[in-house]
Amino acid sequence: MEKIRIKQVRSRIGRPKDQKKTLDALGLRKMNSIVEHNATPQILGMVNKVQHLVIVL
């Protein structure tokens, strides 16, 4: 399965609770942190939900 790397580039401060929980579910806890996940539909949907806070490397 294809892997994707996700980096948090914008702050979670002042964001709605569901977006904060999505970042937690992805494993992103701090700014500039990078996580690697398999490119499943569930992960891609979570990335799409917080696309304004992260970039895919």
N, C-alpha and C. Protein backbone atom coordinates (compact mmCIF):
# COMPACT_ATOMS: atom_id res chain seq x y z
N MET A 1 0.84 -1.18 0.00
CA MET A 1 0.00 0.00 0.00
C MET A 1 0.89 1.25 0.00
N GLU A 2 0.45 2.26 -0.69
CA GLU A 2 1.21 3.50 -0.79
C GLU A 2 1.22 4.24 0.56
N LYS A 3 2.37 4.82 0.89
CA LYS A 3 2.52 5.60 2.13
C LYS A 3 2.46 7.08 1.79
N ILE A 4 1.90 7.86 2.70
CA ILE A 4 1.93 9.31 2.56
C ILE A 4 2.50 9.89 3.84
N ARG A 5 3.22 11.00 3.72
CA ARG A 5 3.75 11.71 4.87
C ARG A 5 2.94 13.00 5.01
N ILE A 6 2.49 13.27 6.24
CA ILE A 6 1.64 14.42 6.52
C ILE A 6 2.36 15.31 7.53
N LYS A 7 2.42 16.60 7.22
CA LYS A 7 3.08 17.57 8.10
C LYS A 7 2.10 18.65 8.51
N GLN A 8 2.04 18.94 9.81
CA GLN A 8 1.18 20.02 10.29
C GLN A 8 1.93 21.33 10.12
N VAL A 9 1.34 22.26 9.39
CA VAL A 9 2.00 23.53 9.09
C VAL A 9 1.29 24.74 9.69
N ARG A 10 0.07 24.57 10.18
CA ARG A 10 -0.65 25.68 10.81
C ARG A 10 -1.13 25.24 12.19
N SER A 11 -1.32 26.21 13.06
CA SER A 11 -1.66 25.95 14.45
C SER A 11 -3.09 25.42 14.60
N ARG A 12 -3.28 24.61 15.64
CA ARG A 12 -4.60 24.10 15.97
C ARG A 12 -5.36 25.04 16.92
N ILE A 13 -4.69 26.09 17.40
CA ILE A 13 -5.31 27.02 18.34
C ILE A 13 -6.47 27.75 17.66
N GLY A 14 -7.61 27.76 18.31
CA GLY A 14 -8.79 28.45 17.80
C GLY A 14 -9.57 27.67 16.76
N ARG A 15 -9.21 26.42 16.53
CA ARG A 15 -9.92 25.58 15.56
C ARG A 15 -11.07 24.85 16.25
N PRO A 16 -12.07 24.43 15.50
CA PRO A 16 -13.17 23.67 16.09
C PRO A 16 -12.68 22.34 16.69
N LYS A 17 -13.44 21.85 17.65
CA LYS A 17 -13.06 20.65 18.37
C LYS A 17 -12.92 19.43 17.45
N ASP A 18 -13.77 19.33 16.42
CA ASP A 18 -13.68 18.17 15.52
C ASP A 18 -12.38 18.18 14.72
N GLN A 19 -11.88 19.37 14.36
CA GLN A 19 -10.61 19.44 13.64
C GLN A 19 -9.45 19.09 14.56
N LYS A 20 -9.51 19.49 15.82
CA LYS A 20 -8.47 19.12 16.78
C LYS A 20 -8.43 17.61 16.98
N LYS A 21 -9.61 16.99 17.06
CA LYS A 21 -9.67 15.55 17.24
C LYS A 21 -9.15 14.81 15.99
N THR A 22 -9.39 15.38 14.82
CA THR A 22 -8.88 14.79 13.58
C THR A 22 -7.36 14.84 13.57
N LEU A 23 -6.78 15.96 13.98
CA LEU A 23 -5.32 16.05 14.06
C LEU A 23 -4.77 15.03 15.06
N ASP A 24 -5.45 14.88 16.21
CA ASP A 24 -5.03 13.88 17.19
C ASP A 24 -5.09 12.48 16.60
N ALA A 25 -6.14 12.18 15.87
CA ALA A 25 -6.30 10.85 15.27
C ALA A 25 -5.21 10.58 14.23
N LEU A 26 -4.76 11.62 13.56
CA LEU A 26 -3.66 11.46 12.60
C LEU A 26 -2.31 11.34 13.29
N GLY A 27 -2.24 11.70 14.57
CA GLY A 27 -0.98 11.63 15.30
C GLY A 27 -0.20 12.92 15.27
N LEU A 28 -0.85 14.01 14.88
CA LEU A 28 -0.17 15.31 14.80
C LEU A 28 -0.45 16.07 16.09
N ARG A 29 0.58 16.27 16.90
CA ARG A 29 0.41 16.91 18.20
C ARG A 29 1.00 18.31 18.23
N LYS A 30 2.05 18.57 17.43
CA LYS A 30 2.74 19.85 17.47
C LYS A 30 2.91 20.39 16.05
N MET A 31 3.22 21.67 15.97
CA MET A 31 3.54 22.29 14.68
C MET A 31 4.79 21.63 14.10
N ASN A 32 4.82 21.50 12.79
CA ASN A 32 5.95 20.93 12.05
C ASN A 32 6.22 19.47 12.34
N SER A 33 5.30 18.78 13.01
CA SER A 33 5.47 17.35 13.21
C SER A 33 5.05 16.62 11.94
N ILE A 34 5.72 15.50 11.68
CA ILE A 34 5.47 14.71 10.47
C ILE A 34 5.11 13.30 10.88
N VAL A 35 4.06 12.76 10.28
CA VAL A 35 3.66 11.36 10.51
C VAL A 35 3.54 10.68 9.15
N GLU A 36 3.64 9.36 9.17
CA GLU A 36 3.52 8.58 7.95
C GLU A 36 2.39 7.59 8.12
N HIS A 37 1.49 7.53 7.15
CA HIS A 37 0.34 6.64 7.17
C HIS A 37 0.18 5.97 5.82
N ASN A 38 -0.52 4.83 5.81
CA ASN A 38 -0.93 4.23 4.55
C ASN A 38 -2.02 5.10 3.93
N ALA A 39 -2.04 5.17 2.62
CA ALA A 39 -3.01 6.03 1.92
C ALA A 39 -4.35 5.31 1.76
N THR A 40 -5.04 5.10 2.88
CA THR A 40 -6.36 4.48 2.85
C THR A 40 -7.41 5.56 2.67
N PRO A 41 -8.61 5.19 2.26
CA PRO A 41 -9.68 6.20 2.12
C PRO A 41 -9.98 6.93 3.43
N GLN A 42 -9.85 6.24 4.56
CA GLN A 42 -10.13 6.88 5.84
C GLN A 42 -9.10 7.96 6.15
N ILE A 43 -7.84 7.66 5.94
CA ILE A 43 -6.77 8.63 6.20
C ILE A 43 -6.88 9.80 5.23
N LEU A 44 -7.14 9.52 3.97
CA LEU A 44 -7.27 10.60 2.99
C LEU A 44 -8.45 11.50 3.31
N GLY A 45 -9.53 10.94 3.85
CA GLY A 45 -10.68 11.74 4.26
C GLY A 45 -10.34 12.65 5.43
N MET A 46 -9.55 12.13 6.38
CA MET A 46 -9.14 12.96 7.51
C MET A 46 -8.22 14.09 7.05
N VAL A 47 -7.32 13.79 6.12
CA VAL A 47 -6.43 14.82 5.58
C VAL A 47 -7.25 15.88 4.86
N ASN A 48 -8.25 15.46 4.12
CA ASN A 48 -9.11 16.41 3.40
C ASN A 48 -9.85 17.34 4.36
N LYS A 49 -10.24 16.81 5.52
CA LYS A 49 -10.98 17.60 6.50
C LYS A 49 -10.13 18.72 7.11
N VAL A 50 -8.82 18.47 7.24
CA VAL A 50 -7.93 19.48 7.84
C VAL A 50 -6.88 19.94 6.83
N GLN A 51 -7.25 19.99 5.56
CA GLN A 51 -6.30 20.31 4.51
C GLN A 51 -5.72 21.71 4.64
N HIS A 52 -6.40 22.61 5.33
CA HIS A 52 -5.90 23.97 5.52
C HIS A 52 -4.86 24.04 6.64
N LEU A 53 -4.68 22.94 7.39
CA LEU A 53 -3.71 22.91 8.50
C LEU A 53 -2.49 22.05 8.19
N VAL A 54 -2.57 21.21 7.17
CA VAL A 54 -1.50 20.25 6.89
C VAL A 54 -1.09 20.31 5.43
N ILE A 55 0.08 19.71 5.14
CA ILE A 55 0.48 19.47 3.76
C ILE A 55 0.87 18.00 3.66
N VAL A 56 0.71 17.44 2.48
CA VAL A 56 1.10 16.06 2.21
C VAL A 56 2.42 16.10 1.46
N LEU A 57 3.41 15.43 2.04
CA LEU A 57 4.75 15.43 1.44
C LEU A 57 4.94 14.25 0.51
